[in-house]
Amino acid sequence: MNQNKDQNYRWIPLIVEGIIVIALAVIFVFNNHLPARAPESVSTAEPTAEIVSSPESAEEKTPEPTAEPTQTPTAVPTPTQALIDPIAYFLNDTNQERYAQWIRDLSGEAPVLINGEEHTITTRYSYAMFGNQENAMAAQYLLEKLAQWVPQEMITYEPYEYHDAMSGYTWYNIIVTFPGTVYPDEQILYTAHYDSCVALTDVNPLELAPGANDNGTGVAALLEAMPTFAKTSFEKTVKVIFFSGEENMMQGSTAYVAAHAGDHITGVINMDMFGNDPADERCFEIHVGTLPESDPLGHAFEAAIRDYGINLTYDYFNYVAYELGDHTPFWRQGIPAMTAMENFTTDSTPGGCGPRPYPKNWHAPTDFIADVNIPYAFDIARAGTITVLRLAGAQPFPE
């Protein structure tokens, strides 16, 4: 019986060893296959070790390959549209020969086409122009030319009534309006008279009054400005006005001032007869008058000459008021205005023109382009247009 008991006790060490082996195996499995327990606190002073999974788990959890990320193409910026300064455009576009051709057309040097038919404009006397004479179709010529640059709705053929000792008449001013985009109520006027006359002669002005200098030079200045103005937007409203009746004591401009009494006119640049310069002295007159509000206009004209290197000198009159021009009706209503004119009056200023030359061909049947100093007149015309572009706030436009 004791022998059996001893045999039973022999198995106890084997069982204990088995239990130990099994326990170690369990511990090994748990240590290698269960996630490690996070420490309760991690010191910020030392970096934590990277946890590396076992090779077996790495094989089980290898992510499937993904496609290479595509790069978003860099957006191509829209190119900035090139803009051109209107004064630079004007100076590049304006042409002395074209300027002279306007004068030739308006003074009867050669036939012109009006409504597809040839006509020779031998006079621009207002009585002749608005009496439907075949030789006096300057208004129709201007209307047709202007319509080549601007829409018809921008052109106004504005009538006014004129009465002399004999009868009453309907005469017309021609107005081209460029509405302002920022200050539309403020107006800059660029003006010249398109009528002509002869006086102190036996020649009938209904037949012959060529007016190449008086005032073909001024009208040509406005026409040369039109291609640039047609491309330009202005901060202020610009009105280009061709007055009739100037040779009958400023009838057209007087009627205009009366009809537009409610307009806010901030400046008038008037261009009148500036081609007589036989000695090529290149001096002219700026008539500002005694209205102080007109001085900024005269100074703007001076600045255009100076800033753009135009070879001109001038008398500057703000202490006397020459009244025989289309600026005068504006002065009478307190509206700032100035006139550019050749060396014509007997007044002078220090450093200015000095004695005037004889006013050759003034109101004469011989006022033809042959006696007009075209380069001199063209430079005064350029200064006038630059002045208006600046005063009205001309904006750059696409090339």
Protein backbone atom coordinates (compact mmCIF):
# COMPACT_ATOMS: atom_id res chain seq x y z
CA MET A 1 0.00 0.00 0.00
CA ASN A 2 2.86 2.38 0.76
CA GLN A 3 4.39 1.37 -2.51
CA ASN A 4 1.33 2.63 -4.39
CA LYS A 5 1.40 5.81 -2.46
CA ASP A 6 5.01 6.44 -3.43
CA GLN A 7 4.19 5.84 -7.09
CA ASN A 8 1.41 8.43 -6.90
CA TYR A 9 3.71 11.07 -5.47
CA ARG A 10 6.17 10.57 -8.36
CA TRP A 11 3.75 12.29 -10.75
CA ILE A 12 3.46 15.47 -8.70
CA PRO A 13 6.74 17.07 -9.92
CA LEU A 14 5.79 16.29 -13.52
CA ILE A 15 2.41 17.94 -13.12
CA VAL A 16 3.94 21.00 -11.49
CA GLU A 17 6.47 21.32 -14.30
CA GLY A 18 3.66 21.08 -16.83
CA ILE A 19 1.71 23.78 -15.11
CA ILE A 20 4.77 26.03 -15.05
CA VAL A 21 5.45 25.43 -18.76
CA ILE A 22 1.87 26.22 -19.63
CA ALA A 23 1.96 29.39 -17.51
CA LEU A 24 5.15 30.55 -19.19
CA ALA A 25 3.66 29.85 -22.59
CA VAL A 26 0.59 31.92 -21.75
CA ILE A 27 2.76 34.76 -20.48
CA PHE A 28 4.85 34.62 -23.67
CA VAL A 29 1.78 34.75 -25.87
CA PHE A 30 0.29 37.71 -24.01
CA ASN A 31 3.55 39.64 -24.04
CA ASN A 32 4.00 39.26 -27.80
CA HIS A 33 0.46 39.49 -29.14
CA LEU A 34 -1.38 41.94 -26.92
CA PRO A 35 -0.77 45.73 -27.38
CA ALA A 36 1.57 47.26 -24.89
CA ARG A 37 -0.08 49.18 -22.11
CA ALA A 38 0.48 52.91 -22.38
CA PRO A 39 2.45 54.42 -19.58
CA GLU A 40 0.44 56.50 -17.14
CA SER A 41 2.53 59.59 -17.78
CA VAL A 42 5.06 60.59 -20.37
CA SER A 43 7.83 63.02 -19.64
CA THR A 44 7.91 65.92 -22.09
CA ALA A 45 11.66 66.13 -21.62
CA GLU A 46 12.44 62.87 -23.44
CA PRO A 47 11.03 61.78 -26.81
CA THR A 48 8.93 58.64 -26.70
CA ALA A 49 10.18 55.54 -28.48
CA GLU A 50 8.44 54.54 -31.65
CA ILE A 51 6.30 51.42 -31.26
CA VAL A 52 7.28 48.79 -33.80
CA SER A 53 4.87 45.91 -34.35
CA SER A 54 6.08 42.37 -34.64
CA PRO A 55 6.93 40.91 -38.06
CA GLU A 56 3.83 38.75 -37.95
CA SER A 57 1.47 41.69 -37.37
CA ALA A 58 3.30 43.73 -40.00
CA GLU A 59 2.53 41.08 -42.56
CA GLU A 60 -1.11 40.99 -41.53
CA LYS A 61 -1.59 44.77 -41.65
CA THR A 62 0.44 45.82 -44.71
CA PRO A 63 -1.71 48.47 -46.46
CA GLU A 64 -2.60 47.99 -50.08
CA PRO A 65 -0.63 50.21 -52.46
CA THR A 66 -2.36 53.46 -53.38
CA ALA A 67 -2.12 55.45 -56.63
CA GLU A 68 0.48 58.21 -56.79
CA PRO A 69 -1.10 61.52 -55.75
CA THR A 70 -1.79 63.74 -58.77
CA GLN A 71 -0.49 67.33 -58.70
CA THR A 72 -3.03 70.11 -59.27
CA PRO A 73 -1.81 72.13 -62.27
CA THR A 74 -0.78 75.70 -61.46
CA ALA A 75 -3.43 78.12 -62.66
CA VAL A 76 -2.22 80.38 -65.46
CA PRO A 77 -3.01 83.99 -64.48
CA THR A 78 -5.16 85.97 -66.88
CA PRO A 79 -2.89 88.51 -68.57
CA THR A 80 -3.54 92.12 -67.65
CA GLN A 81 -4.99 93.98 -70.58
CA ALA A 82 -2.56 96.58 -71.90
CA LEU A 83 -3.84 100.15 -71.68
CA ILE A 84 -2.69 103.20 -73.55
CA ASP A 85 -2.65 106.76 -72.25
CA PRO A 86 -5.02 108.92 -74.34
CA ILE A 87 -2.53 111.78 -74.61
CA ALA A 88 0.16 109.40 -75.85
CA TYR A 89 -2.36 107.97 -78.31
CA PHE A 90 -3.34 111.44 -79.51
CA LEU A 91 0.24 112.59 -80.01
CA ASN A 92 1.02 109.43 -81.95
CA ASP A 93 -2.17 109.60 -84.02
CA THR A 94 -2.49 113.29 -84.83
CA ASN A 95 -1.05 114.27 -88.16
CA GLN A 96 0.04 117.66 -89.45
CA GLU A 97 -0.89 116.91 -93.04
CA ARG A 98 -4.35 115.68 -92.05
CA TYR A 99 -4.76 118.83 -89.95
CA ALA A 100 -3.93 120.92 -93.02
CA GLN A 101 -6.35 118.91 -95.16
CA TRP A 102 -9.30 119.85 -92.93
CA ILE A 103 -8.43 123.51 -93.59
CA ARG A 104 -8.17 122.92 -97.32
CA ASP A 105 -11.53 121.16 -97.40
CA LEU A 106 -13.29 123.91 -95.48
CA SER A 107 -11.77 126.81 -97.45
CA GLY A 108 -12.53 125.62 -100.97
CA GLU A 109 -9.04 124.52 -102.02
CA ALA A 110 -10.54 121.42 -103.64
CA PRO A 111 -13.93 119.72 -103.99
CA VAL A 112 -15.15 117.51 -101.14
CA LEU A 113 -17.63 114.65 -101.09
CA ILE A 114 -20.86 115.33 -99.22
CA ASN A 115 -23.53 112.66 -99.39
CA GLY A 116 -21.60 111.08 -102.23
CA GLU A 117 -21.57 114.22 -104.37
CA GLU A 118 -18.81 116.74 -105.03
CA HIS A 119 -19.13 120.22 -103.57
CA THR A 120 -16.67 123.07 -103.17
CA ILE A 121 -17.06 125.07 -99.96
CA THR A 122 -16.17 128.60 -101.08
CA THR A 123 -17.86 130.34 -98.14
CA ARG A 124 -18.92 129.57 -94.60
CA TYR A 125 -20.85 132.78 -94.08
CA SER A 126 -23.76 131.90 -91.80
CA TYR A 127 -26.34 133.51 -94.08
CA ALA A 128 -25.05 131.31 -96.92
CA MET A 129 -24.69 128.09 -94.91
CA PHE A 130 -28.23 128.20 -93.60
CA GLY A 131 -29.66 129.52 -96.84
CA ASN A 132 -29.02 126.07 -98.40
CA GLN A 133 -26.44 127.35 -100.87
CA GLU A 134 -24.52 124.71 -102.80
CA ASN A 135 -21.20 126.49 -102.19
CA ALA A 136 -21.70 126.73 -98.42
CA MET A 137 -22.24 123.16 -97.21
CA ALA A 138 -19.77 123.26 -94.33
CA ALA A 139 -22.36 122.16 -91.76
CA GLN A 140 -23.28 119.09 -93.82
CA TYR A 141 -19.58 118.34 -94.32
CA LEU A 142 -18.92 118.47 -90.57
CA LEU A 143 -21.95 116.37 -89.67
CA GLU A 144 -20.88 113.68 -92.12
CA LYS A 145 -17.29 113.63 -90.87
CA LEU A 146 -18.31 113.49 -87.21
CA ALA A 147 -20.61 110.55 -87.87
CA GLN A 148 -17.58 108.54 -88.97
CA TRP A 149 -16.24 108.64 -85.40
CA VAL A 150 -19.22 108.69 -83.06
CA PRO A 151 -22.79 107.35 -83.05
CA GLN A 152 -25.47 109.66 -84.38
CA GLU A 153 -27.08 110.01 -80.96
CA MET A 154 -23.96 111.77 -79.68
CA ILE A 155 -24.28 114.52 -82.31
CA THR A 156 -26.72 117.40 -81.88
CA TYR A 157 -27.53 119.84 -84.66
CA GLU A 158 -28.88 122.50 -82.34
CA PRO A 159 -30.95 125.36 -83.80
CA TYR A 160 -31.21 128.91 -82.50
CA GLU A 161 -33.04 131.97 -83.73
CA TYR A 162 -31.18 135.00 -85.00
CA HIS A 163 -32.86 138.27 -85.93
CA ASP A 164 -31.23 141.12 -87.80
CA ALA A 165 -32.77 144.39 -88.89
CA MET A 166 -34.41 142.71 -91.86
CA SER A 167 -35.70 139.31 -90.79
CA GLY A 168 -35.40 136.25 -88.57
CA TYR A 169 -33.32 133.16 -89.31
CA THR A 170 -32.65 129.70 -87.92
CA TRP A 171 -28.97 128.96 -87.59
CA TYR A 172 -27.24 125.91 -86.06
CA ASN A 173 -24.49 124.94 -83.67
CA ILE A 174 -23.03 121.43 -83.91
CA ILE A 175 -22.41 119.64 -80.61
CA VAL A 176 -20.75 116.29 -79.91
CA THR A 177 -21.25 115.03 -76.35
CA PHE A 178 -19.01 112.56 -74.53
CA PRO A 179 -20.75 111.79 -71.21
CA GLY A 180 -18.59 111.79 -68.09
CA THR A 181 -18.25 108.53 -66.17
CA VAL A 182 -17.42 109.95 -62.72
CA TYR A 183 -18.62 113.57 -62.69
CA PRO A 184 -21.16 113.66 -65.53
CA ASP A 185 -22.68 116.95 -64.34
CA GLU A 186 -19.38 118.79 -64.75
CA GLN A 187 -18.69 119.86 -68.33
CA ILE A 188 -15.54 120.82 -70.23
CA LEU A 189 -16.26 122.53 -73.57
CA TYR A 190 -13.84 122.42 -76.50
CA THR A 191 -15.04 125.02 -79.00
CA ALA A 192 -14.35 126.82 -82.27
CA HIS A 193 -16.52 128.79 -84.70
CA TYR A 194 -17.00 127.28 -88.13
CA ASP A 195 -18.44 130.30 -89.91
CA SER A 196 -16.41 132.85 -91.89
CA CYS A 197 -16.91 136.28 -93.42
CA VAL A 198 -15.29 139.03 -95.47
CA ALA A 199 -15.45 142.72 -94.66
CA LEU A 200 -14.32 146.07 -96.05
CA THR A 201 -14.32 144.71 -99.58
CA ASP A 202 -16.54 144.55 -102.61
CA VAL A 203 -16.46 140.74 -102.56
CA ASN A 204 -19.82 139.22 -101.66
CA PRO A 205 -19.43 136.92 -98.59
CA LEU A 206 -22.30 134.80 -99.93
CA GLU A 207 -19.95 133.85 -102.75
CA LEU A 208 -16.46 133.88 -101.27
CA ALA A 209 -15.29 133.80 -97.65
CA PRO A 210 -12.66 131.04 -97.47
CA GLY A 211 -11.64 131.60 -93.83
CA ALA A 212 -8.64 129.23 -93.87
CA ASN A 213 -7.10 130.94 -90.86
CA ASP A 214 -10.27 132.46 -89.41
CA ASN A 215 -11.31 129.95 -88.32
CA GLY A 216 -10.26 126.92 -90.30
CA THR A 217 -7.33 126.56 -87.90
CA GLY A 218 -9.65 126.24 -84.89
CA VAL A 219 -12.13 123.89 -86.58
CA ALA A 220 -9.27 121.64 -87.71
CA ALA A 221 -8.04 121.45 -84.09
CA LEU A 222 -11.40 120.02 -83.00
CA LEU A 223 -11.55 117.60 -85.91
CA GLU A 224 -8.04 116.32 -85.18
CA ALA A 225 -9.10 115.61 -81.58
CA MET A 226 -12.11 113.52 -82.56
CA PRO A 227 -10.41 110.14 -83.30
CA THR A 228 -8.85 110.18 -79.82
CA PHE A 229 -11.98 111.46 -78.07
CA ALA A 230 -14.03 108.73 -79.76
CA LYS A 231 -11.86 106.05 -78.05
CA THR A 232 -11.66 107.78 -74.67
CA SER A 233 -13.88 107.80 -71.61
CA PHE A 234 -13.76 110.96 -69.52
CA GLU A 235 -14.38 111.55 -65.83
CA LYS A 236 -16.15 114.81 -66.73
CA THR A 237 -18.52 115.33 -69.63
CA VAL A 238 -16.81 116.76 -72.72
CA LYS A 239 -18.69 118.73 -75.35
CA VAL A 240 -17.00 119.52 -78.64
CA ILE A 241 -18.90 122.49 -80.09
CA PHE A 242 -18.73 124.10 -83.52
CA PHE A 243 -20.38 127.54 -83.23
CA SER A 244 -21.93 129.39 -86.11
CA GLY A 245 -22.70 133.12 -86.16
CA GLU A 246 -19.45 134.17 -84.47
CA GLU A 247 -18.80 136.70 -87.22
CA ASN A 248 -22.20 138.23 -86.44
CA MET A 249 -21.25 139.23 -82.89
CA MET A 250 -21.02 135.73 -81.39
CA GLN A 251 -24.61 134.72 -82.12
CA GLY A 252 -24.02 130.98 -81.82
CA SER A 253 -22.17 131.04 -78.52
CA THR A 254 -24.57 133.61 -77.05
CA ALA A 255 -27.53 131.42 -77.96
CA TYR A 256 -25.78 128.36 -76.54
CA VAL A 257 -25.11 130.02 -73.17
CA ALA A 258 -28.76 131.07 -72.95
CA ALA A 259 -30.08 127.62 -73.89
CA HIS A 260 -27.76 125.83 -71.44
CA ALA A 261 -28.01 128.17 -68.48
CA GLY A 262 -28.57 125.23 -66.13
CA ASP A 263 -25.47 123.32 -67.22
CA HIS A 264 -22.53 123.07 -64.85
CA ILE A 265 -19.77 124.23 -67.21
CA THR A 266 -16.44 124.13 -65.39
CA GLY A 267 -14.28 125.31 -68.28
CA VAL A 268 -14.32 126.41 -71.93
CA ILE A 269 -11.23 126.04 -74.15
CA ASN A 270 -11.93 128.10 -77.28
CA MET A 271 -9.71 127.90 -80.34
CA ASP A 272 -9.89 130.91 -82.68
CA MET A 273 -7.61 131.94 -85.54
CA PHE A 274 -4.00 131.03 -84.83
CA GLY A 275 -2.22 130.56 -88.15
CA ASN A 276 -0.81 134.00 -89.00
CA ASP A 277 2.90 133.89 -88.09
CA PRO A 278 4.87 135.15 -91.12
CA ALA A 279 8.19 135.47 -89.28
CA ASP A 280 7.83 132.01 -87.68
CA GLU A 281 8.19 133.45 -84.19
CA ARG A 282 5.88 130.73 -82.79
CA CYS A 283 4.26 133.07 -80.32
CA PHE A 284 0.52 133.28 -79.62
CA GLU A 285 -1.92 134.71 -77.08
CA ILE A 286 -3.77 133.06 -74.19
CA HIS A 287 -6.82 135.16 -73.36
CA VAL A 288 -8.01 134.38 -69.84
CA GLY A 289 -9.63 137.73 -69.08
CA THR A 290 -10.30 139.25 -65.70
CA LEU A 291 -12.53 136.46 -64.35
CA PRO A 292 -10.31 134.80 -61.71
CA GLU A 293 -11.98 131.41 -62.24
CA SER A 294 -10.58 131.35 -65.77
CA ASP A 295 -6.96 131.43 -64.63
CA PRO A 296 -6.72 127.65 -64.00
CA LEU A 297 -7.67 127.08 -67.65
CA GLY A 298 -4.87 129.34 -68.88
CA HIS A 299 -2.40 127.68 -66.54
CA ALA A 300 -3.51 124.26 -67.78
CA PHE A 301 -2.77 125.41 -71.34
CA GLU A 302 0.66 126.61 -70.22
CA ALA A 303 1.31 123.27 -68.51
CA ALA A 304 0.44 121.33 -71.67
CA ILE A 305 3.03 123.32 -73.62
CA ARG A 306 5.66 122.92 -70.90
CA ASP A 307 5.05 119.26 -70.00
CA TYR A 308 5.03 118.03 -73.59
CA GLY A 309 7.89 120.18 -74.86
CA ILE A 310 5.84 122.05 -77.47
CA ASN A 311 7.91 124.79 -79.07
CA LEU A 312 5.69 127.80 -78.39
CA THR A 313 5.86 131.08 -76.50
CA TYR A 314 2.90 133.23 -75.59
CA ASP A 315 1.38 136.34 -74.09
CA TYR A 316 -0.81 135.56 -71.07
CA PHE A 317 -3.65 138.06 -70.67
CA ASN A 318 -5.54 138.03 -67.39
CA TYR A 319 -5.55 141.77 -66.78
CA VAL A 320 -7.38 142.73 -69.97
CA ALA A 321 -10.38 141.09 -71.60
CA TYR A 322 -10.44 140.77 -75.38
CA GLU A 323 -14.15 140.47 -76.12
CA LEU A 324 -14.47 139.63 -79.84
CA GLY A 325 -14.62 135.86 -79.49
CA ASP A 326 -16.84 132.99 -78.41
CA HIS A 327 -15.37 133.00 -74.92
CA THR A 328 -17.06 136.32 -74.13
CA PRO A 329 -20.70 135.10 -73.68
CA PHE A 330 -19.41 132.62 -71.10
CA TRP A 331 -17.46 135.30 -69.24
CA ARG A 332 -20.59 137.42 -69.05
CA GLN A 333 -22.31 134.61 -67.16
CA GLY A 334 -19.39 134.01 -64.83
CA ILE A 335 -18.35 130.80 -66.61
CA PRO A 336 -14.59 130.11 -66.78
CA ALA A 337 -13.34 130.35 -70.36
CA MET A 338 -10.21 131.12 -72.36
CA THR A 339 -9.27 131.57 -76.01
CA ALA A 340 -6.09 130.58 -77.81
CA MET A 341 -5.31 133.06 -80.59
CA GLU A 342 -2.37 134.10 -82.75
CA ASN A 343 -0.35 137.21 -81.86
CA PHE A 344 -3.21 139.51 -82.79
CA THR A 345 -3.83 142.22 -80.21
CA THR A 346 -1.68 145.25 -79.45
CA ASP A 347 -1.26 144.16 -75.82
CA SER A 348 1.81 142.25 -74.71
CA THR A 349 3.32 140.74 -71.59
CA PRO A 350 6.99 140.52 -70.48
CA GLY A 351 8.72 137.70 -72.29
CA GLY A 352 5.77 137.31 -74.63
CA CYS A 353 5.17 138.07 -78.29
CA GLY A 354 5.92 141.77 -78.51
CA PRO A 355 4.55 143.79 -81.46
CA ARG A 356 1.95 141.95 -83.46
CA PRO A 357 2.42 141.24 -87.15
CA TYR A 358 0.01 142.80 -89.60
CA PRO A 359 -3.18 140.66 -89.42
CA LYS A 360 -2.84 139.49 -92.98
CA ASN A 361 -6.02 138.19 -94.68
CA TRP A 362 -8.19 138.81 -91.63
CA HIS A 363 -11.81 138.86 -92.88
CA ALA A 364 -10.47 138.98 -96.42
CA PRO A 365 -11.30 136.99 -99.57
CA THR A 366 -7.61 136.02 -99.64
CA ASP A 367 -7.69 134.01 -96.42
CA PHE A 368 -6.33 130.83 -97.96
CA ILE A 369 -4.06 128.14 -96.55
CA ALA A 370 -1.05 129.44 -98.50
CA ASP A 371 -0.55 132.11 -95.83
CA VAL A 372 -1.19 129.84 -92.83
CA ASN A 373 1.89 128.73 -90.89
CA ILE A 374 0.75 125.12 -90.57
CA PRO A 375 3.47 123.77 -88.21
CA TYR A 376 2.85 126.68 -85.82
CA ALA A 377 -0.94 126.32 -85.94
CA PHE A 378 -0.70 122.55 -85.57
CA ASP A 379 1.32 122.91 -82.35
CA ILE A 380 -1.22 125.30 -80.83
CA ALA A 381 -3.97 122.83 -81.79
CA ARG A 382 -2.05 119.99 -80.09
CA ALA A 383 -1.70 122.04 -76.90
CA GLY A 384 -5.43 122.77 -76.89
CA THR A 385 -6.41 119.11 -77.19
CA ILE A 386 -3.94 118.00 -74.51
CA THR A 387 -5.40 120.66 -72.20
CA VAL A 388 -8.93 119.31 -72.67
CA LEU A 389 -7.85 115.69 -72.18
CA ARG A 390 -6.24 116.63 -68.88
CA LEU A 391 -9.00 118.89 -67.59
CA ALA A 392 -11.68 116.30 -68.34
CA GLY A 393 -9.85 113.38 -66.76
CA ALA A 394 -9.33 111.27 -69.87
CA GLN A 395 -8.98 107.58 -68.93
CA PRO A 396 -6.58 105.02 -70.46
CA PHE A 397 -8.21 102.64 -72.92
CA PRO A 398 -7.31 99.21 -74.37
CA GLU A 399 -4.77 99.15 -77.16
